[in-house]
């Protein structure tokens, strides 16, 4: 958790994420990561989010799908 106090009404906060996102599942699955401000999800102008969906694929090739993605 990071705390910032806005000093001026004409200022803005730029939010960036750089890191690894992981999704592990045995069947088709979806995961969503997002930022919150003051305990609420950002909605305006748009949410700041990442969504990854994985199809089950071929069970004989891999019984557990385990994907790591670098995100910037």
C-alpha atoms as a PDB file:
ATOM      1  CA  UNK A   1       0.000   0.000   0.000  1.00  0.00           C
ATOM      2  CA  UNK A   2       1.255   3.477  -0.924  1.00  0.00           C
ATOM      3  CA  UNK A   3      -0.131   6.698   0.539  1.00  0.00           C
ATOM      4  CA  UNK A   4       0.025  10.026  -1.306  1.00  0.00           C
ATOM      5  CA  UNK A   5      -1.468  13.350  -0.230  1.00  0.00           C
ATOM      6  CA  UNK A   6      -2.489  15.597  -3.104  1.00  0.00           C
ATOM      7  CA  UNK A   7      -0.993  19.070  -2.599  1.00  0.00           C
ATOM      8  CA  UNK A   8      -2.704  21.016  -5.410  1.00  0.00           C
ATOM      9  CA  UNK A   9      -6.089  20.739  -7.136  1.00  0.00           C
ATOM     10  CA  UNK A  10      -4.519  21.207 -10.583  1.00  0.00           C
ATOM     11  CA  UNK A  11      -2.123  18.262 -10.191  1.00  0.00           C
ATOM     12  CA  UNK A  12      -2.460  14.664 -11.372  1.00  0.00           C
ATOM     13  CA  UNK A  13      -1.109  11.275 -10.333  1.00  0.00           C
ATOM     14  CA  UNK A  14       0.440   9.015 -12.968  1.00  0.00           C
ATOM     15  CA  UNK A  15       0.120   5.324 -12.081  1.00  0.00           C
ATOM     16  CA  UNK A  16       2.373   2.678 -13.637  1.00  0.00           C
ATOM     17  CA  UNK A  17       2.874  -1.019 -12.931  1.00  0.00           C
ATOM     18  CA  UNK A  18       5.835  -3.083 -14.006  1.00  0.00           C
ATOM     19  CA  UNK A  19       6.040  -6.637 -12.781  1.00  0.00           C
ATOM     20  CA  UNK A  20       4.973 -10.224 -13.284  1.00  0.00           C
ATOM     21  CA  UNK A  21       1.395 -11.502 -13.513  1.00  0.00           C
ATOM     22  CA  UNK A  22       0.756 -15.226 -12.913  1.00  0.00           C
ATOM     23  CA  UNK A  23      -2.219 -17.358 -13.837  1.00  0.00           C
ATOM     24  CA  UNK A  24      -2.339 -21.053 -12.915  1.00  0.00           C
ATOM     25  CA  UNK A  25      -5.317 -23.319 -13.548  1.00  0.00           C
ATOM     26  CA  UNK A  26      -6.296 -26.848 -14.591  1.00  0.00           C
ATOM     27  CA  UNK A  27      -9.280 -25.739 -16.693  1.00  0.00           C
ATOM     28  CA  UNK A  28     -10.187 -22.628 -18.652  1.00  0.00           C
ATOM     29  CA  UNK A  29      -9.928 -19.602 -16.366  1.00  0.00           C
ATOM     30  CA  UNK A  30      -9.809 -15.817 -16.218  1.00  0.00           C
ATOM     31  CA  UNK A  31      -8.072 -13.453 -13.770  1.00  0.00           C
ATOM     32  CA  UNK A  32      -8.283  -9.690 -13.368  1.00  0.00           C
ATOM     33  CA  UNK A  33      -5.845  -7.351 -11.607  1.00  0.00           C
ATOM     34  CA  UNK A  34      -6.729  -3.692 -10.917  1.00  0.00           C
ATOM     35  CA  UNK A  35      -5.776  -0.569  -8.942  1.00  0.00           C
ATOM     36  CA  UNK A  36      -7.826   1.006  -6.168  1.00  0.00           C
ATOM     37  CA  UNK A  37      -7.748   4.582  -4.859  1.00  0.00           C
ATOM     38  CA  UNK A  38      -9.134   5.400  -1.401  1.00  0.00           C
ATOM     39  CA  UNK A  39     -10.436   1.827  -1.218  1.00  0.00           C
ATOM     40  CA  UNK A  40     -12.423   2.060  -4.472  1.00  0.00           C
ATOM     41  CA  UNK A  41     -11.649   0.836  -7.964  1.00  0.00           C
ATOM     42  CA  UNK A  42     -10.749   3.575 -10.421  1.00  0.00           C
ATOM     43  CA  UNK A  43     -13.619   4.135 -12.882  1.00  0.00           C
ATOM     44  CA  UNK A  44     -13.036   7.487 -14.545  1.00  0.00           C
ATOM     45  CA  UNK A  45     -12.114   7.975 -17.174  1.00  0.00           C
ATOM     46  CA  UNK A  46     -11.533   4.167 -17.321  1.00  0.00           C
ATOM     47  CA  UNK A  47     -10.459   1.343 -14.963  1.00  0.00           C
ATOM     48  CA  UNK A  48      -6.738   0.629 -14.681  1.00  0.00           C
ATOM     49  CA  UNK A  49      -6.730  -3.138 -15.137  1.00  0.00           C
ATOM     50  CA  UNK A  50      -5.204  -6.223 -16.685  1.00  0.00           C
ATOM     51  CA  UNK A  51      -7.288  -9.235 -17.702  1.00  0.00           C
ATOM     52  CA  UNK A  52      -5.866 -12.583 -18.797  1.00  0.00           C
ATOM     53  CA  UNK A  53      -8.001 -15.458 -20.102  1.00  0.00           C
ATOM     54  CA  UNK A  54      -6.647 -18.949 -20.760  1.00  0.00           C
ATOM     55  CA  UNK A  55      -8.409 -21.699 -22.649  1.00  0.00           C
ATOM     56  CA  UNK A  56      -7.956 -25.199 -21.259  1.00  0.00           C
ATOM     57  CA  UNK A  57      -5.933 -26.276 -24.267  1.00  0.00           C
ATOM     58  CA  UNK A  58      -4.857 -29.866 -24.692  1.00  0.00           C
ATOM     59  CA  UNK A  59      -4.931 -31.851 -21.404  1.00  0.00           C
ATOM     60  CA  UNK A  60      -2.521 -34.473 -22.753  1.00  0.00           C
ATOM     61  CA  UNK A  61       0.136 -31.796 -23.338  1.00  0.00           C
ATOM     62  CA  UNK A  62      -0.082 -30.087 -19.953  1.00  0.00           C
ATOM     63  CA  UNK A  63      -2.289 -31.026 -17.001  1.00  0.00           C
ATOM     64  CA  UNK A  64      -1.752 -27.646 -15.333  1.00  0.00           C
ATOM     65  CA  UNK A  65      -1.608 -24.386 -17.262  1.00  0.00           C
ATOM     66  CA  UNK A  66       0.904 -22.106 -15.523  1.00  0.00           C
ATOM     67  CA  UNK A  67       1.480 -18.807 -17.332  1.00  0.00           C
ATOM     68  CA  UNK A  68       3.753 -15.953 -16.233  1.00  0.00           C
ATOM     69  CA  UNK A  69       3.535 -12.625 -18.075  1.00  0.00           C
ATOM     70  CA  UNK A  70       5.646  -9.554 -17.650  1.00  0.00           C
ATOM     71  CA  UNK A  71       3.509  -6.440 -17.704  1.00  0.00           C
ATOM     72  CA  UNK A  72       4.463  -2.809 -18.147  1.00  0.00           C
END
